[in-house]
PDB file of N, CA and C in Angstrom:
ATOM      1  N   MET A   1       8.583  51.154  -4.677  1.00  0.00           N
ATOM      2  CA  MET A   1       7.002  51.252  -4.721  1.00  0.00           C
ATOM      3  C   MET A   1       6.444  49.980  -5.531  1.00  0.00           C
ATOM      4  N   SER A   2       5.286  49.400  -5.292  1.00  0.00           N
ATOM      5  CA  SER A   2       4.920  48.317  -5.995  1.00  0.00           C
ATOM      6  C   SER A   2       4.365  48.683  -7.362  1.00  0.00           C
ATOM      7  N   ASP A   3       4.273  47.739  -8.113  1.00  0.00           N
ATOM      8  CA  ASP A   3       3.669  47.869  -9.603  1.00  0.00           C
ATOM      9  C   ASP A   3       2.180  47.464  -9.423  1.00  0.00           C
ATOM     10  N   ASP A   4       1.262  48.557  -9.919  1.00  0.00           N
ATOM     11  CA  ASP A   4      -0.107  48.154  -9.809  1.00  0.00           C
ATOM     12  C   ASP A   4      -0.741  47.061 -10.694  1.00  0.00           C
ATOM     13  N   ARG A   5       0.172  46.872 -11.898  1.00  0.00           N
ATOM     14  CA  ARG A   5      -0.292  45.944 -12.887  1.00  0.00           C
ATOM     15  C   ARG A   5      -0.248  44.526 -12.463  1.00  0.00           C
ATOM     16  N   ASN A   6       0.623  44.260 -11.424  1.00  0.00           N
ATOM     17  CA  ASN A   6       0.626  43.071 -10.828  1.00  0.00           C
ATOM     18  C   ASN A   6      -0.181  42.664  -9.659  1.00  0.00           C
ATOM     19  N   GLY A   7      -1.121  43.584  -9.458  1.00  0.00           N
ATOM     20  CA  GLY A   7      -2.031  43.515  -8.238  1.00  0.00           C
ATOM     21  C   GLY A   7      -1.402  43.969  -7.052  1.00  0.00           C
ATOM     22  N   GLY A   8      -0.430  44.871  -7.104  1.00  0.00           N
ATOM     23  CA  GLY A   8       0.153  45.386  -5.938  1.00  0.00           C
ATOM     24  C   GLY A   8       1.438  44.701  -5.587  1.00  0.00           C
ATOM     25  N   THR A   9       1.707  43.425  -6.026  1.00  0.00           N
ATOM     26  CA  THR A   9       2.820  42.647  -5.570  1.00  0.00           C
ATOM     27  C   THR A   9       4.148  42.908  -6.447  1.00  0.00           C
ATOM     28  N   PRO A  10       5.346  42.971  -5.562  1.00  0.00           N
ATOM     29  CA  PRO A  10       6.492  43.201  -6.495  1.00  0.00           C
ATOM     30  C   PRO A  10       6.816  41.958  -7.305  1.00  0.00           C
ATOM     31  N   GLU A  11       7.487  42.170  -8.241  1.00  0.00           N
ATOM     32  CA  GLU A  11       8.028  40.961  -9.114  1.00  0.00           C
ATOM     33  C   GLU A  11       9.100  40.116  -8.357  1.00  0.00           C
ATOM     34  N   SER A  12       8.871  38.820  -8.466  1.00  0.00           N
ATOM     35  CA  SER A  12       9.998  37.870  -7.790  1.00  0.00           C
ATOM     36  C   SER A  12      11.114  37.679  -8.727  1.00  0.00           C
ATOM     37  N   PRO A  13      12.324  37.409  -8.375  1.00  0.00           N
ATOM     38  CA  PRO A  13      13.410  36.951  -9.123  1.00  0.00           C
ATOM     39  C   PRO A  13      13.045  35.707  -9.818  1.00  0.00           C
ATOM     40  N   PRO A  14      13.560  35.288 -10.795  1.00  0.00           N
ATOM     41  CA  PRO A  14      13.414  34.038 -11.507  1.00  0.00           C
ATOM     42  C   PRO A  14      14.018  32.901 -10.577  1.00  0.00           C
ATOM     43  N   ALA A  15      13.379  31.736 -10.362  1.00  0.00           N
ATOM     44  CA  ALA A  15      13.804  30.627  -9.583  1.00  0.00           C
ATOM     45  C   ALA A  15      15.132  29.923 -10.058  1.00  0.00           C
ATOM     46  N   GLU A  16      15.961  29.724  -9.069  1.00  0.00           N
ATOM     47  CA  GLU A  16      17.262  29.122  -9.474  1.00  0.00           C
ATOM     48  C   GLU A  16      17.029  27.505  -9.515  1.00  0.00           C
ATOM     49  N   PRO A  17      17.682  26.821 -10.388  1.00  0.00           N
ATOM     50  CA  PRO A  17      17.604  25.361 -10.458  1.00  0.00           C
ATOM     51  C   PRO A  17      18.123  24.740  -9.079  1.00  0.00           C
ATOM     52  N   ARG A  18      17.572  23.668  -8.887  1.00  0.00           N
ATOM     53  CA  ARG A  18      17.973  22.912  -7.438  1.00  0.00           C
ATOM     54  C   ARG A  18      19.355  22.308  -7.638  1.00  0.00           C
ATOM     55  N   PRO A  19      20.107  22.459  -6.654  1.00  0.00           N
ATOM     56  CA  PRO A  19      21.433  21.739  -6.662  1.00  0.00           C
ATOM     57  C   PRO A  19      21.336  20.297  -6.828  1.00  0.00           C
ATOM     58  N   TRP A  20      22.463  19.673  -7.525  1.00  0.00           N
ATOM     59  CA  TRP A  20      22.447  18.252  -7.927  1.00  0.00           C
ATOM     60  C   TRP A  20      22.056  17.412  -6.762  1.00  0.00           C
ATOM     61  N   LEU A  21      22.786  17.665  -5.644  1.00  0.00           N
ATOM     62  CA  LEU A  21      22.411  16.757  -4.402  1.00  0.00           C
ATOM     63  C   LEU A  21      21.140  16.788  -4.013  1.00  0.00           C
ATOM     64  N   GLU A  22      20.414  17.927  -4.118  1.00  0.00           N
ATOM     65  CA  GLU A  22      19.033  17.791  -3.832  1.00  0.00           C
ATOM     66  C   GLU A  22      18.242  17.049  -4.750  1.00  0.00           C
ATOM     67  N   ARG A  23      18.492  17.135  -6.132  1.00  0.00           N
ATOM     68  CA  ARG A  23      17.893  16.506  -7.270  1.00  0.00           C
ATOM     69  C   ARG A  23      17.985  14.958  -6.959  1.00  0.00           C
ATOM     70  N   ILE A  24      19.317  14.485  -6.557  1.00  0.00           N
ATOM     71  CA  ILE A  24      19.588  12.990  -6.393  1.00  0.00           C
ATOM     72  C   ILE A  24      18.807  12.453  -5.475  1.00  0.00           C
ATOM     73  N   GLY A  25      18.770  13.314  -4.131  1.00  0.00           N
ATOM     74  CA  GLY A  25      17.919  12.880  -3.084  1.00  0.00           C
ATOM     75  C   GLY A  25      16.637  12.754  -3.230  1.00  0.00           C
ATOM     76  N   LEU A  26      15.981  13.681  -3.828  1.00  0.00           N
ATOM     77  CA  LEU A  26      14.520  13.646  -4.089  1.00  0.00           C
ATOM     78  C   LEU A  26      14.177  12.462  -5.209  1.00  0.00           C
ATOM     79  N   ALA A  27      15.108  12.305  -6.185  1.00  0.00           N
ATOM     80  CA  ALA A  27      14.881  11.142  -7.066  1.00  0.00           C
ATOM     81  C   ALA A  27      15.004   9.752  -6.462  1.00  0.00           C
ATOM     82  N   ALA A  28      15.880   9.577  -5.323  1.00  0.00           N
ATOM     83  CA  ALA A  28      16.106   8.304  -4.619  1.00  0.00           C
ATOM     84  C   ALA A  28      14.798   8.218  -3.671  1.00  0.00           C
ATOM     85  N   ILE A  29      14.374   9.334  -3.226  1.00  0.00           N
ATOM     86  CA  ILE A  29      13.161   8.978  -2.387  1.00  0.00           C
ATOM     87  C   ILE A  29      11.939   8.636  -3.296  1.00  0.00           C
ATOM     88  N   ALA A  30      11.845   9.218  -4.385  1.00  0.00           N
ATOM     89  CA  ALA A  30      10.868   8.702  -5.419  1.00  0.00           C
ATOM     90  C   ALA A  30      10.969   7.215  -5.814  1.00  0.00           C
ATOM     91  N   ALA A  31      12.213   6.904  -6.064  1.00  0.00           N
ATOM     92  CA  ALA A  31      12.494   5.512  -6.518  1.00  0.00           C
ATOM     93  C   ALA A  31      12.149   4.588  -5.417  1.00  0.00           C
ATOM     94  N   VAL A  32      12.421   4.842  -4.033  1.00  0.00           N
ATOM     95  CA  VAL A  32      11.960   4.030  -3.016  1.00  0.00           C
ATOM     96  C   VAL A  32      10.595   3.817  -2.731  1.00  0.00           C
ATOM     97  N   LEU A  33       9.835   4.999  -3.004  1.00  0.00           N
ATOM     98  CA  LEU A  33       8.347   5.031  -2.799  1.00  0.00           C
ATOM     99  C   LEU A  33       7.760   4.297  -4.166  1.00  0.00           C
ATOM    100  N   GLY A  34       8.412   4.453  -5.222  1.00  0.00           N
ATOM    101  CA  GLY A  34       7.874   3.693  -6.407  1.00  0.00           C
ATOM    102  C   GLY A  34       8.086   2.320  -6.406  1.00  0.00           C
ATOM    103  N   LEU A  35       9.261   1.940  -5.690  1.00  0.00           N
ATOM    104  CA  LEU A  35       9.355   0.485  -5.600  1.00  0.00           C
ATOM    105  C   LEU A  35       8.405  -0.015  -4.528  1.00  0.00           C
ATOM    106  N   PHE A  36       8.096   0.663  -3.560  1.00  0.00           N
ATOM    107  CA  PHE A  36       7.045   0.151  -2.741  1.00  0.00           C
ATOM    108  C   PHE A  36       5.530  -0.018  -3.247  1.00  0.00           C
ATOM    109  N   LEU A  37       5.365   0.839  -4.163  1.00  0.00           N
ATOM    110  CA  LEU A  37       4.072   0.787  -4.966  1.00  0.00           C
ATOM    111  C   LEU A  37       4.073  -0.323  -5.833  1.00  0.00           C
ATOM    112  N   VAL A  38       5.340  -0.723  -6.558  1.00  0.00           N
ATOM    113  CA  VAL A  38       5.397  -1.851  -7.425  1.00  0.00           C
ATOM    114  C   VAL A  38       5.217  -3.113  -6.614  1.00  0.00           C
ATOM    115  N   VAL A  39       5.763  -3.080  -5.677  1.00  0.00           N
ATOM    116  CA  VAL A  39       5.585  -4.391  -4.739  1.00  0.00           C
ATOM    117  C   VAL A  39       4.208  -4.511  -4.273  1.00  0.00           C
ATOM    118  N   THR A  40       3.576  -3.455  -3.869  1.00  0.00           N
ATOM    119  CA  THR A  40       2.062  -3.409  -3.566  1.00  0.00           C
ATOM    120  C   THR A  40       1.296  -3.875  -4.654  1.00  0.00           C
ATOM    121  N   ALA A  41       1.616  -3.492  -5.921  1.00  0.00           N
ATOM    122  CA  ALA A  41       0.825  -3.717  -7.236  1.00  0.00           C
ATOM    123  C   ALA A  41       0.967  -5.181  -7.479  1.00  0.00           C
ATOM    124  N   VAL A  42       2.070  -5.908  -7.227  1.00  0.00           N
ATOM    125  CA  VAL A  42       2.351  -7.115  -7.679  1.00  0.00           C
ATOM    126  C   VAL A  42       1.641  -8.103  -6.471  1.00  0.00           C
ATOM    127  N   ALA A  43       1.806  -7.723  -5.374  1.00  0.00           N
ATOM    128  CA  ALA A  43       1.124  -8.510  -4.116  1.00  0.00           C
ATOM    129  C   ALA A  43      -0.358  -8.403  -4.304  1.00  0.00           C
ATOM    130  N   SER A  44      -0.873  -7.137  -4.610  1.00  0.00           N
ATOM    131  CA  SER A  44      -2.476  -7.257  -4.807  1.00  0.00           C
ATOM    132  C   SER A  44      -2.801  -8.029  -6.166  1.00  0.00           C
ATOM    133  N   TRP A  45      -2.156  -8.026  -7.099  1.00  0.00           N
ATOM    134  CA  TRP A  45      -2.363  -8.680  -8.294  1.00  0.00           C
ATOM    135  C   TRP A  45      -2.423 -10.176  -8.027  1.00  0.00           C
ATOM    136  N   ALA A  46      -1.450 -10.650  -7.233  1.00  0.00           N
ATOM    137  CA  ALA A  46      -1.448 -12.026  -6.855  1.00  0.00           C
ATOM    138  C   ALA A  46      -2.579 -12.574  -5.942  1.00  0.00           C
ATOM    139  N   GLY A  47      -3.067 -11.501  -5.100  1.00  0.00           N
ATOM    140  CA  GLY A  47      -4.140 -11.811  -4.169  1.00  0.00           C
ATOM    141  C   GLY A  47      -5.530 -11.608  -4.924  1.00  0.00           C
ATOM    142  N   GLY A  48      -5.408 -11.241  -6.042  1.00  0.00           N
ATOM    143  CA  GLY A  48      -6.805 -10.993  -6.672  1.00  0.00           C
ATOM    144  C   GLY A  48      -7.481  -9.738  -6.634  1.00  0.00           C
ATOM    145  N   GLU A  49      -6.759  -8.750  -6.101  1.00  0.00           N
ATOM    146  CA  GLU A  49      -7.176  -7.504  -5.771  1.00  0.00           C
ATOM    147  C   GLU A  49      -6.937  -6.508  -7.155  1.00  0.00           C
ATOM    148  N   TRP A  50      -7.601  -6.629  -8.003  1.00  0.00           N
ATOM    149  CA  TRP A  50      -7.381  -5.982  -9.305  1.00  0.00           C
ATOM    150  C   TRP A  50      -7.306  -4.582  -9.348  1.00  0.00           C
ATOM    151  N   ILE A  51      -8.419  -4.061  -8.682  1.00  0.00           N
ATOM    152  CA  ILE A  51      -8.308  -2.460  -8.661  1.00  0.00           C
ATOM    153  C   ILE A  51      -7.226  -1.929  -7.843  1.00  0.00           C
ATOM    154  N   LEU A  52      -6.877  -2.531  -6.703  1.00  0.00           N
ATOM    155  CA  LEU A  52      -5.743  -1.989  -6.095  1.00  0.00           C
ATOM    156  C   LEU A  52      -4.434  -2.339  -6.664  1.00  0.00           C
ATOM    157  N   ALA A  53      -4.350  -3.291  -7.390  1.00  0.00           N
ATOM    158  CA  ALA A  53      -3.114  -3.555  -8.251  1.00  0.00           C
ATOM    159  C   ALA A  53      -3.076  -2.432  -9.408  1.00  0.00           C
ATOM    160  N   ALA A  54      -4.108  -1.960  -9.908  1.00  0.00           N
ATOM    161  CA  ALA A  54      -4.069  -1.038 -10.968  1.00  0.00           C
ATOM    162  C   ALA A  54      -3.816   0.234 -10.400  1.00  0.00           C
ATOM    163  N   MET A  55      -4.298   0.683  -9.203  1.00  0.00           N
ATOM    164  CA  MET A  55      -4.091   1.850  -8.513  1.00  0.00           C
ATOM    165  C   MET A  55      -2.595   2.061  -8.105  1.00  0.00           C
ATOM    166  N   SER A  56      -2.023   0.875  -7.535  1.00  0.00           N
ATOM    167  CA  SER A  56      -0.609   0.913  -7.167  1.00  0.00           C
ATOM    168  C   SER A  56       0.296   0.957  -8.297  1.00  0.00           C
ATOM    169  N   GLY A  57      -0.137   0.374  -9.323  1.00  0.00           N
ATOM    170  CA  GLY A  57       0.646   0.237 -10.603  1.00  0.00           C
ATOM    171  C   GLY A  57       0.775   1.789 -11.180  1.00  0.00           C
ATOM    172  N   SER A  58      -0.432   2.507 -11.296  1.00  0.00           N
ATOM    173  CA  SER A  58      -0.551   3.606 -11.971  1.00  0.00           C
ATOM    174  C   SER A  58       0.325   4.544 -10.917  1.00  0.00           C
ATOM    175  N   GLY A  59       0.319   4.514  -9.556  1.00  0.00           N
ATOM    176  CA  GLY A  59       0.806   5.221  -8.634  1.00  0.00           C
ATOM    177  C   GLY A  59       2.357   5.213  -8.808  1.00  0.00           C
ATOM    178  N   ALA A  60       2.805   3.894  -9.023  1.00  0.00           N
ATOM    179  CA  ALA A  60       4.268   3.689  -9.244  1.00  0.00           C
ATOM    180  C   ALA A  60       4.773   4.441 -10.432  1.00  0.00           C
ATOM    181  N   VAL A  61       4.041   4.229 -11.563  1.00  0.00           N
ATOM    182  CA  VAL A  61       4.437   4.955 -12.825  1.00  0.00           C
ATOM    183  C   VAL A  61       4.686   6.431 -12.518  1.00  0.00           C
ATOM    184  N   LEU A  62       3.623   6.981 -12.100  1.00  0.00           N
ATOM    185  CA  LEU A  62       3.579   8.583 -11.702  1.00  0.00           C
ATOM    186  C   LEU A  62       4.676   8.825 -10.849  1.00  0.00           C
ATOM    187  N   THR A  63       4.842   8.047  -9.832  1.00  0.00           N
ATOM    188  CA  THR A  63       5.948   8.512  -8.795  1.00  0.00           C
ATOM    189  C   THR A  63       7.431   8.375  -9.490  1.00  0.00           C
ATOM    190  N   LEU A  64       7.582   7.255 -10.173  1.00  0.00           N
ATOM    191  CA  LEU A  64       8.874   6.996 -10.834  1.00  0.00           C
ATOM    192  C   LEU A  64       9.249   8.205 -11.912  1.00  0.00           C
ATOM    193  N   GLY A  65       8.017   8.300 -12.595  1.00  0.00           N
ATOM    194  CA  GLY A  65       8.201   9.457 -13.713  1.00  0.00           C
ATOM    195  C   GLY A  65       8.460  10.808 -12.954  1.00  0.00           C
ATOM    196  N   VAL A  66       7.959  11.221 -11.957  1.00  0.00           N
ATOM    197  CA  VAL A  66       8.078  12.399 -11.149  1.00  0.00           C
ATOM    198  C   VAL A  66       9.645  12.516 -10.678  1.00  0.00           C
ATOM    199  N   GLY A  67       9.924  11.337 -10.154  1.00  0.00           N
ATOM    200  CA  GLY A  67      11.432  11.195  -9.769  1.00  0.00           C
ATOM    201  C   GLY A  67      12.459  11.595 -10.723  1.00  0.00           C
ATOM    202  N   LEU A  68      12.105  10.904 -12.093  1.00  0.00           N
ATOM    203  CA  LEU A  68      13.069  11.080 -13.321  1.00  0.00           C
ATOM    204  C   LEU A  68      12.891  12.649 -13.602  1.00  0.00           C
ATOM    205  N   MET A  69      11.761  13.302 -13.657  1.00  0.00           N
ATOM    206  CA  MET A  69      11.535  14.570 -14.079  1.00  0.00           C
ATOM    207  C   MET A  69      12.456  15.572 -13.191  1.00  0.00           C
ATOM    208  N   THR A  70      12.395  15.199 -11.841  1.00  0.00           N
ATOM    209  CA  THR A  70      13.179  15.881 -10.890  1.00  0.00           C
ATOM    210  C   THR A  70      14.653  15.843 -11.272  1.00  0.00           C
ATOM    211  N   LEU A  71      15.295  14.837 -12.000  1.00  0.00           N
ATOM    212  CA  LEU A  71      16.687  14.720 -12.222  1.00  0.00           C
ATOM    213  C   LEU A  71      16.753  15.500 -13.620  1.00  0.00           C
ATOM    214  N   VAL A  72      16.046  15.418 -14.432  1.00  0.00           N
ATOM    215  CA  VAL A  72      16.054  15.936 -15.924  1.00  0.00           C
ATOM    216  C   VAL A  72      16.012  17.544 -15.693  1.00  0.00           C
ATOM    217  N   ARG A  73      14.707  18.004 -15.297  1.00  0.00           N
ATOM    218  CA  ARG A  73      14.402  19.389 -15.143  1.00  0.00           C
ATOM    219  C   ARG A  73      14.950  20.172 -14.132  1.00  0.00           C
ATOM    220  N   GLY A  74      15.139  19.615 -12.933  1.00  0.00           N
ATOM    221  CA  GLY A  74      15.878  20.310 -11.827  1.00  0.00           C
ATOM    222  C   GLY A  74      14.860  21.105 -10.945  1.00  0.00           C
TER     223      GLY A  74
END
């Protein structure tokens, strides 16, 4: 029977950490996408597109950070 304190939904079991192969694969994808964003940032900076360079640079930092967190946290 469901527990009414949870709004009628049964409790879910705790999530298992991702396997290492999946973590490495996701981090590799994030690294490739981050590299593309770095190349875009450098090319737009050289072309005088400062806003696009800033957006690409911040996207690269965030993407690489999330890829690193995937390896660390799981």
